[in-house]
C-alpha cells in the first residue's frame, strides 16, 4: 500500500507541475514554435518589455495589489479585533458565517453580482462610466477581507487578554494599549494576511474580468485576451514571471510562519 500511495502522490504532483515546467522551458525557446525547442534564448523576455499594453497592465496590477492588500489588511485587522471581542457565542458564529460567505461563494457569482451592483449604483448616481479602477479596487478589497480576518483571528486568540488590561493599569489608554501590546503580538498574522491578500489580488481573473471596465486591464485579463489570438512565447515568459513572483511570496509567507513558531517555542521553553 505504501508503494501505491507513493506512486499516486507522484502522479498527482507530476500532472500538476509538468505543464508549469513545460511553460517555463518554452519561455526560453529561441523560435516562435510552441511545440519544438530550437535553442535557449532570452528574446521573449526582452520582447515582453516592448509590449506597452502588458506594461500598463503590470502597472495597474501592482498598484491594485498593493493598494487593496494594504486597505484590506487595515479593515480586516479591525474586523478581526471586533469579532474577537464578541462575547455571545451565537453572535460570533453568525458573524464568522457571514465573513466566510465570500470565500465559499463561487468567484463567478461574486464577480457577476458585484458588476450588477456597480452598474445599478452608477445608474442611480447618474455616472456614465460604471466600471473603472475604483470598482476594481472595491471588488478586490471585498474578496480579500475574509482571508485577512482568518489570518489575524488565531493570533488574537493566542494573545493573553490580560496584557492589554495590564498596560491600561500601567497608564496606557485603550488605543495605546492596543498599539503597544496587542498589535506586536498579532503582527505575524497581519503580515501573513497582507501577503496572502497581495497574492490573491495579483492572480485574480474572474472578479477582475467582470469589474475592470474598458480602460483598465490586469495581467490575468490581458493574458486571457492574448490567448484568443495566436499563442506566442511572450505569454509563456509573462506567465513564468507571475509564477515565480507568487512562488516567492509563498516562500516568504511560510518563512514568516516558521520564524514565528520558532520564536513562540523559545518563549514557551
C-alpha atoms as a PDB file:
ATOM      1  CA  UNK A   1       0.000   0.000   0.000  1.00  0.00           C
ATOM      2  CA  UNK A   2       2.898   2.369   0.732  1.00  0.00           C
ATOM      3  CA  UNK A   3       4.263   1.879  -2.792  1.00  0.00           C
ATOM      4  CA  UNK A   4       0.828   2.554  -4.316  1.00  0.00           C
ATOM      5  CA  UNK A   5       0.388   5.690  -2.212  1.00  0.00           C
ATOM      6  CA  UNK A   6       3.824   6.959  -3.292  1.00  0.00           C
ATOM      7  CA  UNK A   7       3.018   6.265  -6.956  1.00  0.00           C
ATOM      8  CA  UNK A   8      -0.323   8.043  -6.607  1.00  0.00           C
ATOM      9  CA  UNK A   9       1.333  11.056  -4.936  1.00  0.00           C
ATOM     10  CA  UNK A  10       3.971  11.180  -7.668  1.00  0.00           C
ATOM     11  CA  UNK A  11       1.329  11.097 -10.428  1.00  0.00           C
ATOM     12  CA  UNK A  12      -0.676  13.869  -8.756  1.00  0.00           C
ATOM     13  CA  UNK A  13       2.341  16.162  -8.493  1.00  0.00           C
ATOM     14  CA  UNK A  14       3.507  15.174 -11.976  1.00  0.00           C
ATOM     15  CA  UNK A  15       0.256  16.206 -13.672  1.00  0.00           C
ATOM     16  CA  UNK A  16       0.027  19.340 -11.519  1.00  0.00           C
ATOM     17  CA  UNK A  17       3.518  20.667 -12.216  1.00  0.00           C
ATOM     18  CA  UNK A  18       4.610  19.255 -15.579  1.00  0.00           C
ATOM     19  CA  UNK A  19       2.546  21.883 -17.505  1.00  0.00           C
ATOM     20  CA  UNK A  20       4.288  24.628 -15.495  1.00  0.00           C
ATOM     21  CA  UNK A  21       7.710  23.144 -16.255  1.00  0.00           C
ATOM     22  CA  UNK A  22       6.860  22.973 -19.969  1.00  0.00           C
ATOM     23  CA  UNK A  23       5.715  26.605 -19.847  1.00  0.00           C
ATOM     24  CA  UNK A  24       8.974  27.712 -18.197  1.00  0.00           C
ATOM     25  CA  UNK A  25      11.129  25.759 -20.660  1.00  0.00           C
ATOM     26  CA  UNK A  26       9.397  27.132 -23.748  1.00  0.00           C
ATOM     27  CA  UNK A  27       9.580  30.681 -22.416  1.00  0.00           C
ATOM     28  CA  UNK A  28      13.309  30.414 -23.205  1.00  0.00           C
ATOM     29  CA  UNK A  29      12.723  28.995 -26.686  1.00  0.00           C
ATOM     30  CA  UNK A  30      14.661  30.741 -29.440  1.00  0.00           C
ATOM     31  CA  UNK A  31      11.975  30.370 -32.102  1.00  0.00           C
ATOM     32  CA  UNK A  32       8.246  31.138 -32.147  1.00  0.00           C
ATOM     33  CA  UNK A  33       7.417  27.452 -32.046  1.00  0.00           C
ATOM     34  CA  UNK A  34       5.327  26.424 -29.074  1.00  0.00           C
ATOM     35  CA  UNK A  35       5.981  22.710 -29.600  1.00  0.00           C
ATOM     36  CA  UNK A  36       9.630  22.349 -30.710  1.00  0.00           C
ATOM     37  CA  UNK A  37      12.509  23.681 -28.603  1.00  0.00           C
ATOM     38  CA  UNK A  38      15.134  25.035 -31.030  1.00  0.00           C
ATOM     39  CA  UNK A  39      17.554  26.786 -28.682  1.00  0.00           C
ATOM     40  CA  UNK A  40      17.987  28.765 -25.467  1.00  0.00           C
ATOM     41  CA  UNK A  41      17.287  32.497 -25.604  1.00  0.00           C
ATOM     42  CA  UNK A  42      16.039  35.449 -23.523  1.00  0.00           C
ATOM     43  CA  UNK A  43      14.457  37.117 -26.588  1.00  0.00           C
ATOM     44  CA  UNK A  44      10.873  36.662 -25.404  1.00  0.00           C
ATOM     45  CA  UNK A  45      11.622  38.265 -22.053  1.00  0.00           C
ATOM     46  CA  UNK A  46      13.167  41.218 -23.875  1.00  0.00           C
ATOM     47  CA  UNK A  47      10.179  41.330 -26.237  1.00  0.00           C
ATOM     48  CA  UNK A  48       7.944  41.441 -23.192  1.00  0.00           C
ATOM     49  CA  UNK A  49       9.481  44.794 -22.220  1.00  0.00           C
ATOM     50  CA  UNK A  50       8.395  46.237 -25.567  1.00  0.00           C
ATOM     51  CA  UNK A  51       4.712  45.356 -25.084  1.00  0.00           C
ATOM     52  CA  UNK A  52       3.160  48.629 -23.914  1.00  0.00           C
ATOM     53  CA  UNK A  53      -0.235  47.115 -23.145  1.00  0.00           C
ATOM     54  CA  UNK A  54       1.366  44.444 -20.962  1.00  0.00           C
ATOM     55  CA  UNK A  55       3.466  47.023 -19.099  1.00  0.00           C
ATOM     56  CA  UNK A  56       0.353  49.124 -18.463  1.00  0.00           C
ATOM     57  CA  UNK A  57      -1.474  46.033 -17.205  1.00  0.00           C
ATOM     58  CA  UNK A  58       1.502  45.229 -14.956  1.00  0.00           C
ATOM     59  CA  UNK A  59       1.432  48.750 -13.523  1.00  0.00           C
ATOM     60  CA  UNK A  60      -2.320  48.518 -12.890  1.00  0.00           C
ATOM     61  CA  UNK A  61      -1.951  45.061 -11.325  1.00  0.00           C
ATOM     62  CA  UNK A  62       0.832  46.107  -8.936  1.00  0.00           C
ATOM     63  CA  UNK A  63      -0.920  49.316  -7.841  1.00  0.00           C
ATOM     64  CA  UNK A  64      -4.151  47.387  -7.385  1.00  0.00           C
ATOM     65  CA  UNK A  65      -2.488  44.551  -5.464  1.00  0.00           C
ATOM     66  CA  UNK A  66      -0.548  46.856  -3.136  1.00  0.00           C
ATOM     67  CA  UNK A  67      -3.462  49.235  -2.532  1.00  0.00           C
ATOM     68  CA  UNK A  68      -6.117  46.560  -1.996  1.00  0.00           C
ATOM     69  CA  UNK A  69      -3.870  44.422   0.243  1.00  0.00           C
ATOM     70  CA  UNK A  70      -2.981  47.380   2.490  1.00  0.00           C
ATOM     71  CA  UNK A  71      -6.597  48.587   2.775  1.00  0.00           C
ATOM     72  CA  UNK A  72      -7.992  45.074   3.301  1.00  0.00           C
ATOM     73  CA  UNK A  73      -5.329  44.427   5.942  1.00  0.00           C
ATOM     74  CA  UNK A  74      -6.313  47.556   7.888  1.00  0.00           C
ATOM     75  CA  UNK A  75     -10.052  46.826   7.704  1.00  0.00           C
ATOM     76  CA  UNK A  76      -9.553  43.084   8.172  1.00  0.00           C
ATOM     77  CA  UNK A  77      -7.456  43.572  11.304  1.00  0.00           C
ATOM     78  CA  UNK A  78     -10.059  45.940  12.743  1.00  0.00           C
ATOM     79  CA  UNK A  79     -12.820  43.458  11.897  1.00  0.00           C
ATOM     80  CA  UNK A  80     -10.871  40.597  13.491  1.00  0.00           C
ATOM     81  CA  UNK A  81     -10.445  42.621  16.706  1.00  0.00           C
ATOM     82  CA  UNK A  82     -14.179  43.345  16.708  1.00  0.00           C
ATOM     83  CA  UNK A  83     -15.107  39.691  16.124  1.00  0.00           C
ATOM     84  CA  UNK A  84     -12.697  38.526  18.822  1.00  0.00           C
ATOM     85  CA  UNK A  85     -14.276  40.923  21.334  1.00  0.00           C
ATOM     86  CA  UNK A  86     -17.783  39.484  20.812  1.00  0.00           C
ATOM     87  CA  UNK A  87     -18.900  37.729  23.980  1.00  0.00           C
ATOM     88  CA  UNK A  88     -22.039  35.955  22.759  1.00  0.00           C
ATOM     89  CA  UNK A  89     -21.216  32.678  21.029  1.00  0.00           C
ATOM     90  CA  UNK A  90     -24.131  32.740  18.602  1.00  0.00           C
ATOM     91  CA  UNK A  91     -23.327  36.290  17.502  1.00  0.00           C
ATOM     92  CA  UNK A  92     -19.683  35.415  16.869  1.00  0.00           C
ATOM     93  CA  UNK A  93     -20.697  32.276  14.930  1.00  0.00           C
ATOM     94  CA  UNK A  94     -23.165  34.260  12.814  1.00  0.00           C
ATOM     95  CA  UNK A  95     -20.548  36.939  12.109  1.00  0.00           C
ATOM     96  CA  UNK A  96     -17.968  34.330  11.103  1.00  0.00           C
ATOM     97  CA  UNK A  97     -20.541  32.665   8.854  1.00  0.00           C
ATOM     98  CA  UNK A  98     -21.168  35.942   7.049  1.00  0.00           C
ATOM     99  CA  UNK A  99     -17.408  36.508   6.827  1.00  0.00           C
ATOM    100  CA  UNK A 100     -16.839  33.105   5.217  1.00  0.00           C
ATOM    101  CA  UNK A 101     -19.507  33.572   2.522  1.00  0.00           C
ATOM    102  CA  UNK A 102     -17.199  35.427   0.058  1.00  0.00           C
ATOM    103  CA  UNK A 103     -14.660  32.599   0.386  1.00  0.00           C
ATOM    104  CA  UNK A 104     -17.191  29.812  -0.145  1.00  0.00           C
ATOM    105  CA  UNK A 105     -19.134  31.632  -2.853  1.00  0.00           C
ATOM    106  CA  UNK A 106     -18.030  30.811  -6.436  1.00  0.00           C
ATOM    107  CA  UNK A 107     -15.949  33.653  -7.853  1.00  0.00           C
ATOM    108  CA  UNK A 108     -18.102  33.940 -10.956  1.00  0.00           C
ATOM    109  CA  UNK A 109     -21.150  34.613  -8.750  1.00  0.00           C
ATOM    110  CA  UNK A 110     -19.210  37.194  -6.722  1.00  0.00           C
ATOM    111  CA  UNK A 111     -17.829  38.912  -9.836  1.00  0.00           C
ATOM    112  CA  UNK A 112     -21.146  38.994 -11.677  1.00  0.00           C
ATOM    113  CA  UNK A 113     -23.106  40.236  -8.641  1.00  0.00           C
ATOM    114  CA  UNK A 114     -20.568  42.997  -7.998  1.00  0.00           C
ATOM    115  CA  UNK A 115     -20.779  44.041 -11.646  1.00  0.00           C
ATOM    116  CA  UNK A 116     -24.565  44.336 -11.334  1.00  0.00           C
ATOM    117  CA  UNK A 117     -24.153  46.318  -8.111  1.00  0.00           C
ATOM    118  CA  UNK A 118     -21.737  48.778  -9.722  1.00  0.00           C
ATOM    119  CA  UNK A 119     -23.970  49.224 -12.774  1.00  0.00           C
ATOM    120  CA  UNK A 120     -27.011  49.802 -10.539  1.00  0.00           C
ATOM    121  CA  UNK A 121     -25.110  52.301  -8.366  1.00  0.00           C
ATOM    122  CA  UNK A 122     -23.804  54.200 -11.403  1.00  0.00           C
ATOM    123  CA  UNK A 123     -27.305  54.487 -12.859  1.00  0.00           C
ATOM    124  CA  UNK A 124     -28.611  55.635  -9.505  1.00  0.00           C
ATOM    125  CA  UNK A 125     -25.895  58.304  -9.194  1.00  0.00           C
ATOM    126  CA  UNK A 126     -26.043  59.311 -12.865  1.00  0.00           C
ATOM    127  CA  UNK A 127     -22.476  58.192 -13.674  1.00  0.00           C
ATOM    128  CA  UNK A 128     -21.947  57.317 -17.322  1.00  0.00           C
ATOM    129  CA  UNK A 129     -18.902  55.049 -16.951  1.00  0.00           C
ATOM    130  CA  UNK A 130     -19.797  52.480 -14.288  1.00  0.00           C
ATOM    131  CA  UNK A 131     -16.569  50.460 -14.365  1.00  0.00           C
ATOM    132  CA  UNK A 132     -13.002  51.555 -13.750  1.00  0.00           C
ATOM    133  CA  UNK A 133     -10.078  51.343 -11.368  1.00  0.00           C
ATOM    134  CA  UNK A 134     -12.284  52.273  -8.407  1.00  0.00           C
ATOM    135  CA  UNK A 135     -14.615  49.324  -8.968  1.00  0.00           C
ATOM    136  CA  UNK A 136     -11.606  47.025  -9.346  1.00  0.00           C
ATOM    137  CA  UNK A 137     -10.205  48.250  -6.040  1.00  0.00           C
ATOM    138  CA  UNK A 138     -13.522  47.816  -4.191  1.00  0.00           C
ATOM    139  CA  UNK A 139     -14.005  44.319  -5.630  1.00  0.00           C
ATOM    140  CA  UNK A 140     -10.510  43.180  -4.655  1.00  0.00           C
ATOM    141  CA  UNK A 141     -10.799  44.588  -1.128  1.00  0.00           C
ATOM    142  CA  UNK A 142     -14.119  42.780  -0.730  1.00  0.00           C
ATOM    143  CA  UNK A 143     -12.858  39.292  -1.542  1.00  0.00           C
ATOM    144  CA  UNK A 144      -9.515  39.777   0.279  1.00  0.00           C
ATOM    145  CA  UNK A 145     -11.053  40.812   3.615  1.00  0.00           C
ATOM    146  CA  UNK A 146     -12.085  37.301   4.813  1.00  0.00           C
ATOM    147  CA  UNK A 147      -8.564  35.943   4.240  1.00  0.00           C
ATOM    148  CA  UNK A 148      -7.034  38.723   6.330  1.00  0.00           C
ATOM    149  CA  UNK A 149      -9.577  38.165   9.103  1.00  0.00           C
ATOM    150  CA  UNK A 150      -8.906  34.420   9.189  1.00  0.00           C
ATOM    151  CA  UNK A 151      -5.157  35.032   9.470  1.00  0.00           C
ATOM    152  CA  UNK A 152      -5.426  37.615  12.252  1.00  0.00           C
ATOM    153  CA  UNK A 153      -8.089  35.918  14.402  1.00  0.00           C
ATOM    154  CA  UNK A 154      -5.934  32.933  15.508  1.00  0.00           C
ATOM    155  CA  UNK A 155      -3.190  35.312  16.660  1.00  0.00           C
ATOM    156  CA  UNK A 156      -5.727  37.321  18.663  1.00  0.00           C
ATOM    157  CA  UNK A 157      -6.983  34.142  20.334  1.00  0.00           C
ATOM    158  CA  UNK A 158      -3.393  33.187  21.231  1.00  0.00           C
ATOM    159  CA  UNK A 159      -2.805  36.597  22.825  1.00  0.00           C
ATOM    160  CA  UNK A 160      -3.348  36.873  26.559  1.00  0.00           C
ATOM    161  CA  UNK A 161      -6.292  39.204  27.143  1.00  0.00           C
ATOM    162  CA  UNK A 162      -4.761  40.330  30.435  1.00  0.00           C
ATOM    163  CA  UNK A 163      -1.861  42.024  28.615  1.00  0.00           C
ATOM    164  CA  UNK A 164      -3.998  44.925  27.377  1.00  0.00           C
ATOM    165  CA  UNK A 165      -5.623  45.313  30.788  1.00  0.00           C
ATOM    166  CA  UNK A 166      -2.207  45.303  32.460  1.00  0.00           C
ATOM    167  CA  UNK A 167      -0.997  48.005  30.058  1.00  0.00           C
ATOM    168  CA  UNK A 168      -4.030  50.127  30.906  1.00  0.00           C
ATOM    169  CA  UNK A 169      -3.358  49.637  34.631  1.00  0.00           C
ATOM    170  CA  UNK A 170       0.150  50.995  33.994  1.00  0.00           C
ATOM    171  CA  UNK A 171      -1.245  54.183  32.475  1.00  0.00           C
ATOM    172  CA  UNK A 172      -1.874  53.372  28.796  1.00  0.00           C
ATOM    173  CA  UNK A 173      -5.110  54.415  27.190  1.00  0.00           C
ATOM    174  CA  UNK A 174      -7.049  51.636  25.397  1.00  0.00           C
ATOM    175  CA  UNK A 175      -5.772  52.748  21.980  1.00  0.00           C
ATOM    176  CA  UNK A 176      -2.185  52.937  23.247  1.00  0.00           C
ATOM    177  CA  UNK A 177      -2.515  49.510  24.868  1.00  0.00           C
ATOM    178  CA  UNK A 178      -3.652  48.052  21.554  1.00  0.00           C
ATOM    179  CA  UNK A 179      -0.803  49.521  19.509  1.00  0.00           C
ATOM    180  CA  UNK A 180       1.921  48.851  22.102  1.00  0.00           C
ATOM    181  CA  UNK A 181       0.856  45.423  23.372  1.00  0.00           C
ATOM    182  CA  UNK A 182      -1.755  43.692  21.209  1.00  0.00           C
ATOM    183  CA  UNK A 183      -0.539  44.782  17.770  1.00  0.00           C
ATOM    184  CA  UNK A 184       3.054  43.467  18.167  1.00  0.00           C
ATOM    185  CA  UNK A 185       1.742  40.070  19.274  1.00  0.00           C
ATOM    186  CA  UNK A 186      -0.549  39.692  16.238  1.00  0.00           C
ATOM    187  CA  UNK A 187       1.904  41.205  13.750  1.00  0.00           C
ATOM    188  CA  UNK A 188       2.852  37.821  12.159  1.00  0.00           C
ATOM    189  CA  UNK A 189      -0.819  37.152  11.370  1.00  0.00           C
ATOM    190  CA  UNK A 190      -1.229  40.646   9.917  1.00  0.00           C
ATOM    191  CA  UNK A 191       1.843  40.236   7.677  1.00  0.00           C
ATOM    192  CA  UNK A 192       0.720  36.790   6.527  1.00  0.00           C
ATOM    193  CA  UNK A 193      -2.773  38.085   5.777  1.00  0.00           C
ATOM    194  CA  UNK A 194      -1.393  41.025   3.803  1.00  0.00           C
ATOM    195  CA  UNK A 195       0.899  38.784   1.730  1.00  0.00           C
ATOM    196  CA  UNK A 196      -1.986  36.415   1.031  1.00  0.00           C
ATOM    197  CA  UNK A 197      -4.221  39.332   0.029  1.00  0.00           C
ATOM    198  CA  UNK A 198      -1.492  40.635  -2.285  1.00  0.00           C
ATOM    199  CA  UNK A 199      -1.101  37.198  -3.885  1.00  0.00           C
ATOM    200  CA  UNK A 200      -4.849  36.771  -4.363  1.00  0.00           C
ATOM    201  CA  UNK A 201      -5.124  40.183  -5.991  1.00  0.00           C
ATOM    202  CA  UNK A 202      -2.130  39.506  -8.220  1.00  0.00           C
ATOM    203  CA  UNK A 203      -3.545  36.390  -9.869  1.00  0.00           C
ATOM    204  CA  UNK A 204      -7.300  37.056  -9.729  1.00  0.00           C
ATOM    205  CA  UNK A 205      -9.043  36.782 -13.079  1.00  0.00           C
ATOM    206  CA  UNK A 206     -12.778  36.157 -12.759  1.00  0.00           C
ATOM    207  CA  UNK A 207     -13.703  39.035 -10.440  1.00  0.00           C
ATOM    208  CA  UNK A 208     -11.349  41.407 -12.290  1.00  0.00           C
ATOM    209  CA  UNK A 209     -12.875  40.376 -15.621  1.00  0.00           C
ATOM    210  CA  UNK A 210     -16.342  41.472 -14.500  1.00  0.00           C
ATOM    211  CA  UNK A 211     -15.324  44.713 -12.757  1.00  0.00           C
ATOM    212  CA  UNK A 212     -12.378  46.168 -14.693  1.00  0.00           C
ATOM    213  CA  UNK A 213     -14.193  48.226 -17.318  1.00  0.00           C
ATOM    214  CA  UNK A 214     -12.759  49.109 -20.731  1.00  0.00           C
ATOM    215  CA  UNK A 215      -9.765  51.265 -19.800  1.00  0.00           C
ATOM    216  CA  UNK A 216      -8.136  49.107 -17.127  1.00  0.00           C
ATOM    217  CA  UNK A 217      -6.815  45.583 -17.505  1.00  0.00           C
ATOM    218  CA  UNK A 218      -4.890  43.392 -15.098  1.00  0.00           C
ATOM    219  CA  UNK A 219      -2.260  40.851 -16.115  1.00  0.00           C
ATOM    220  CA  UNK A 220      -4.607  37.822 -15.893  1.00  0.00           C
ATOM    221  CA  UNK A 221      -7.248  39.542 -18.042  1.00  0.00           C
ATOM    222  CA  UNK A 222      -4.734  40.663 -20.654  1.00  0.00           C
ATOM    223  CA  UNK A 223      -3.263  37.148 -20.804  1.00  0.00           C
ATOM    224  CA  UNK A 224      -6.771  35.842 -21.447  1.00  0.00           C
ATOM    225  CA  UNK A 225      -7.281  38.341 -24.273  1.00  0.00           C
ATOM    226  CA  UNK A 226      -3.896  37.367 -25.761  1.00  0.00           C
ATOM    227  CA  UNK A 227      -4.803  33.675 -25.794  1.00  0.00           C
ATOM    228  CA  UNK A 228      -7.773  34.442 -28.065  1.00  0.00           C
ATOM    229  CA  UNK A 229      -5.200  35.148 -30.761  1.00  0.00           C
ATOM    230  CA  UNK A 230      -2.214  33.009 -31.733  1.00  0.00           C
ATOM    231  CA  UNK A 231      -0.302  31.920 -28.637  1.00  0.00           C
ATOM    232  CA  UNK A 232       3.282  33.213 -28.626  1.00  0.00           C
ATOM    233  CA  UNK A 233       6.182  32.584 -26.208  1.00  0.00           C
ATOM    234  CA  UNK A 234       5.638  36.135 -24.894  1.00  0.00           C
ATOM    235  CA  UNK A 235       2.702  34.729 -22.933  1.00  0.00           C
ATOM    236  CA  UNK A 236       4.982  31.959 -21.657  1.00  0.00           C
ATOM    237  CA  UNK A 237       7.538  34.443 -20.383  1.00  0.00           C
ATOM    238  CA  UNK A 238       4.864  36.590 -18.735  1.00  0.00           C
ATOM    239  CA  UNK A 239       3.251  33.568 -17.074  1.00  0.00           C
ATOM    240  CA  UNK A 240       6.667  32.377 -15.882  1.00  0.00           C
ATOM    241  CA  UNK A 241       7.354  35.723 -14.197  1.00  0.00           C
ATOM    242  CA  UNK A 242       3.952  35.645 -12.499  1.00  0.00           C
ATOM    243  CA  UNK A 243       4.557  32.058 -11.324  1.00  0.00           C
ATOM    244  CA  UNK A 244       7.921  32.860  -9.746  1.00  0.00           C
ATOM    245  CA  UNK A 245       6.567  36.054  -8.166  1.00  0.00           C
ATOM    246  CA  UNK A 246       3.776  34.137  -6.438  1.00  0.00           C
ATOM    247  CA  UNK A 247       6.192  31.323  -5.510  1.00  0.00           C
ATOM    248  CA  UNK A 248       8.489  33.875  -3.863  1.00  0.00           C
ATOM    249  CA  UNK A 249       5.588  35.323  -1.874  1.00  0.00           C
ATOM    250  CA  UNK A 250       4.510  31.852  -0.720  1.00  0.00           C
ATOM    251  CA  UNK A 251       8.067  31.064   0.407  1.00  0.00           C
ATOM    252  CA  UNK A 252       8.150  34.374   2.275  1.00  0.00           C
ATOM    253  CA  UNK A 253       4.819  33.593   3.963  1.00  0.00           C
ATOM    254  CA  UNK A 254       5.984  30.147   5.076  1.00  0.00           C
ATOM    255  CA  UNK A 255       9.274  31.624   6.305  1.00  0.00           C
ATOM    256  CA  UNK A 256       7.434  34.183   8.436  1.00  0.00           C
ATOM    257  CA  UNK A 257       5.238  31.453   9.913  1.00  0.00           C
ATOM    258  CA  UNK A 258       8.277  29.269  10.636  1.00  0.00           C
ATOM    259  CA  UNK A 259      10.177  32.085  12.359  1.00  0.00           C
ATOM    260  CA  UNK A 260       7.099  32.971  14.391  1.00  0.00           C
ATOM    261  CA  UNK A 261       6.605  29.359  15.540  1.00  0.00           C
ATOM    262  CA  UNK A 262      10.299  29.108  16.398  1.00  0.00           C
ATOM    263  CA  UNK A 263      10.061  32.314  18.434  1.00  0.00           C
ATOM    264  CA  UNK A 264       6.981  31.039  20.278  1.00  0.00           C
ATOM    265  CA  UNK A 265       8.707  27.739  21.080  1.00  0.00           C
ATOM    266  CA  UNK A 266      11.688  29.580  22.525  1.00  0.00           C
ATOM    267  CA  UNK A 267       9.378  31.771  24.606  1.00  0.00           C
ATOM    268  CA  UNK A 268       7.459  28.765  25.961  1.00  0.00           C
ATOM    269  CA  UNK A 269      10.729  26.979  26.860  1.00  0.00           C
END
